[in-house]
């Protein structure tokens, strides 16, 4: 007769987020940063990437993001754009 053995597995690393979760977290983290315009989902070398829009190349956030290059396992692409205006 076989016995049923139960055990618990503890993960050492958190599970990888989806691109949508990473985008949401990224937006929440950088929303108040000067020069940050927004974030979208793009493609980089056949994989999902975070497309980050900034006001200009001189803001500190631009250098930080270019040095980081990866967020939650996804490549970060920085694009300079104008600030969005609502009408």
C-alpha atoms as a PDB file:
ATOM      1  CA  UNK A   1       0.000   0.000   0.000  1.00  0.00           C
ATOM      2  CA  UNK A   2       1.433   3.391  -0.940  1.00  0.00           C
ATOM      3  CA  UNK A   3       1.193   6.422   1.260  1.00  0.00           C
ATOM      4  CA  UNK A   4       0.301   9.861   0.052  1.00  0.00           C
ATOM      5  CA  UNK A   5       3.038  12.286   1.000  1.00  0.00           C
ATOM      6  CA  UNK A   6       2.369  15.983   1.018  1.00  0.00           C
ATOM      7  CA  UNK A   7       4.973  18.687   1.213  1.00  0.00           C
ATOM      8  CA  UNK A   8       5.273  22.395   0.761  1.00  0.00           C
ATOM      9  CA  UNK A   9       7.599  24.070  -1.711  1.00  0.00           C
ATOM     10  CA  UNK A  10       8.957  27.502  -0.949  1.00  0.00           C
ATOM     11  CA  UNK A  11      10.112  29.489  -3.950  1.00  0.00           C
ATOM     12  CA  UNK A  12      13.329  31.403  -3.528  1.00  0.00           C
ATOM     13  CA  UNK A  13      12.514  33.812  -6.313  1.00  0.00           C
ATOM     14  CA  UNK A  14       9.182  35.462  -7.069  1.00  0.00           C
ATOM     15  CA  UNK A  15       7.365  34.259 -10.141  1.00  0.00           C
ATOM     16  CA  UNK A  16       8.023  36.311 -13.257  1.00  0.00           C
ATOM     17  CA  UNK A  17       5.459  38.974 -13.963  1.00  0.00           C
ATOM     18  CA  UNK A  18       3.601  39.301 -17.225  1.00  0.00           C
ATOM     19  CA  UNK A  19       4.404  42.255 -19.466  1.00  0.00           C
ATOM     20  CA  UNK A  20       1.098  43.830 -18.403  1.00  0.00           C
ATOM     21  CA  UNK A  21       1.952  43.545 -14.697  1.00  0.00           C
ATOM     22  CA  UNK A  22       5.452  44.904 -15.339  1.00  0.00           C
ATOM     23  CA  UNK A  23       3.979  47.857 -17.271  1.00  0.00           C
ATOM     24  CA  UNK A  24       1.570  48.664 -14.445  1.00  0.00           C
ATOM     25  CA  UNK A  25       4.318  48.448 -11.802  1.00  0.00           C
ATOM     26  CA  UNK A  26       6.693  50.513 -13.921  1.00  0.00           C
ATOM     27  CA  UNK A  27       4.103  53.271 -14.422  1.00  0.00           C
ATOM     28  CA  UNK A  28       3.352  53.397 -10.699  1.00  0.00           C
ATOM     29  CA  UNK A  29       7.057  53.545  -9.835  1.00  0.00           C
ATOM     30  CA  UNK A  30       8.012  56.330 -12.266  1.00  0.00           C
ATOM     31  CA  UNK A  31       4.781  58.340 -12.517  1.00  0.00           C
ATOM     32  CA  UNK A  32       6.044  61.168 -10.311  1.00  0.00           C
ATOM     33  CA  UNK A  33       9.509  61.351 -11.914  1.00  0.00           C
ATOM     34  CA  UNK A  34      10.293  64.571 -13.749  1.00  0.00           C
ATOM     35  CA  UNK A  35      10.362  63.966 -17.502  1.00  0.00           C
ATOM     36  CA  UNK A  36       8.333  60.723 -17.447  1.00  0.00           C
ATOM     37  CA  UNK A  37       5.468  60.821 -19.963  1.00  0.00           C
ATOM     38  CA  UNK A  38       4.213  57.244 -20.065  1.00  0.00           C
ATOM     39  CA  UNK A  39       4.900  53.586 -20.738  1.00  0.00           C
ATOM     40  CA  UNK A  40       3.590  51.150 -23.321  1.00  0.00           C
ATOM     41  CA  UNK A  41       4.341  47.675 -24.615  1.00  0.00           C
ATOM     42  CA  UNK A  42       6.663  47.256 -27.574  1.00  0.00           C
ATOM     43  CA  UNK A  43       8.891  44.641 -29.144  1.00  0.00           C
ATOM     44  CA  UNK A  44      12.648  44.191 -28.969  1.00  0.00           C
ATOM     45  CA  UNK A  45      14.382  41.344 -30.794  1.00  0.00           C
ATOM     46  CA  UNK A  46      11.248  39.182 -30.994  1.00  0.00           C
ATOM     47  CA  UNK A  47      10.279  39.592 -27.339  1.00  0.00           C
ATOM     48  CA  UNK A  48       7.992  41.886 -25.369  1.00  0.00           C
ATOM     49  CA  UNK A  49       9.544  45.103 -24.088  1.00  0.00           C
ATOM     50  CA  UNK A  50       8.541  48.157 -22.084  1.00  0.00           C
ATOM     51  CA  UNK A  51       8.418  51.227 -24.338  1.00  0.00           C
ATOM     52  CA  UNK A  52       9.061  54.226 -22.087  1.00  0.00           C
ATOM     53  CA  UNK A  53       8.256  57.754 -23.233  1.00  0.00           C
ATOM     54  CA  UNK A  54      10.165  60.709 -21.746  1.00  0.00           C
ATOM     55  CA  UNK A  55      10.007  64.475 -22.377  1.00  0.00           C
ATOM     56  CA  UNK A  56      13.626  64.996 -23.287  1.00  0.00           C
ATOM     57  CA  UNK A  57      17.107  63.476 -23.181  1.00  0.00           C
ATOM     58  CA  UNK A  58      18.339  65.708 -20.340  1.00  0.00           C
ATOM     59  CA  UNK A  59      16.118  64.402 -17.542  1.00  0.00           C
ATOM     60  CA  UNK A  60      17.792  62.195 -14.879  1.00  0.00           C
ATOM     61  CA  UNK A  61      15.210  59.452 -15.490  1.00  0.00           C
ATOM     62  CA  UNK A  62      16.577  58.947 -19.025  1.00  0.00           C
ATOM     63  CA  UNK A  63      20.077  58.077 -17.834  1.00  0.00           C
ATOM     64  CA  UNK A  64      18.696  55.846 -15.076  1.00  0.00           C
ATOM     65  CA  UNK A  65      16.533  53.896 -17.519  1.00  0.00           C
ATOM     66  CA  UNK A  66      19.296  53.551 -20.110  1.00  0.00           C
ATOM     67  CA  UNK A  67      21.635  52.174 -17.434  1.00  0.00           C
ATOM     68  CA  UNK A  68      18.958  49.827 -16.121  1.00  0.00           C
ATOM     69  CA  UNK A  69      17.988  48.421 -19.569  1.00  0.00           C
ATOM     70  CA  UNK A  70      15.883  45.603 -17.995  1.00  0.00           C
ATOM     71  CA  UNK A  71      12.835  45.878 -15.730  1.00  0.00           C
ATOM     72  CA  UNK A  72      11.194  42.777 -14.233  1.00  0.00           C
ATOM     73  CA  UNK A  73      12.909  40.680 -16.908  1.00  0.00           C
ATOM     74  CA  UNK A  74      11.760  42.803 -19.862  1.00  0.00           C
ATOM     75  CA  UNK A  75      13.949  45.070 -22.023  1.00  0.00           C
ATOM     76  CA  UNK A  76      13.378  48.818 -21.584  1.00  0.00           C
ATOM     77  CA  UNK A  77      13.282  51.001 -24.704  1.00  0.00           C
ATOM     78  CA  UNK A  78      13.481  54.742 -24.040  1.00  0.00           C
ATOM     79  CA  UNK A  79      11.893  57.114 -26.562  1.00  0.00           C
ATOM     80  CA  UNK A  80      11.995  60.897 -26.346  1.00  0.00           C
ATOM     81  CA  UNK A  81       8.612  62.453 -27.089  1.00  0.00           C
ATOM     82  CA  UNK A  82       6.608  65.520 -26.203  1.00  0.00           C
ATOM     83  CA  UNK A  83       4.587  65.762 -23.035  1.00  0.00           C
ATOM     84  CA  UNK A  84       1.024  64.572 -23.592  1.00  0.00           C
ATOM     85  CA  UNK A  85      -1.718  67.176 -23.344  1.00  0.00           C
ATOM     86  CA  UNK A  86      -5.392  66.536 -22.819  1.00  0.00           C
ATOM     87  CA  UNK A  87      -8.067  68.658 -24.399  1.00  0.00           C
END
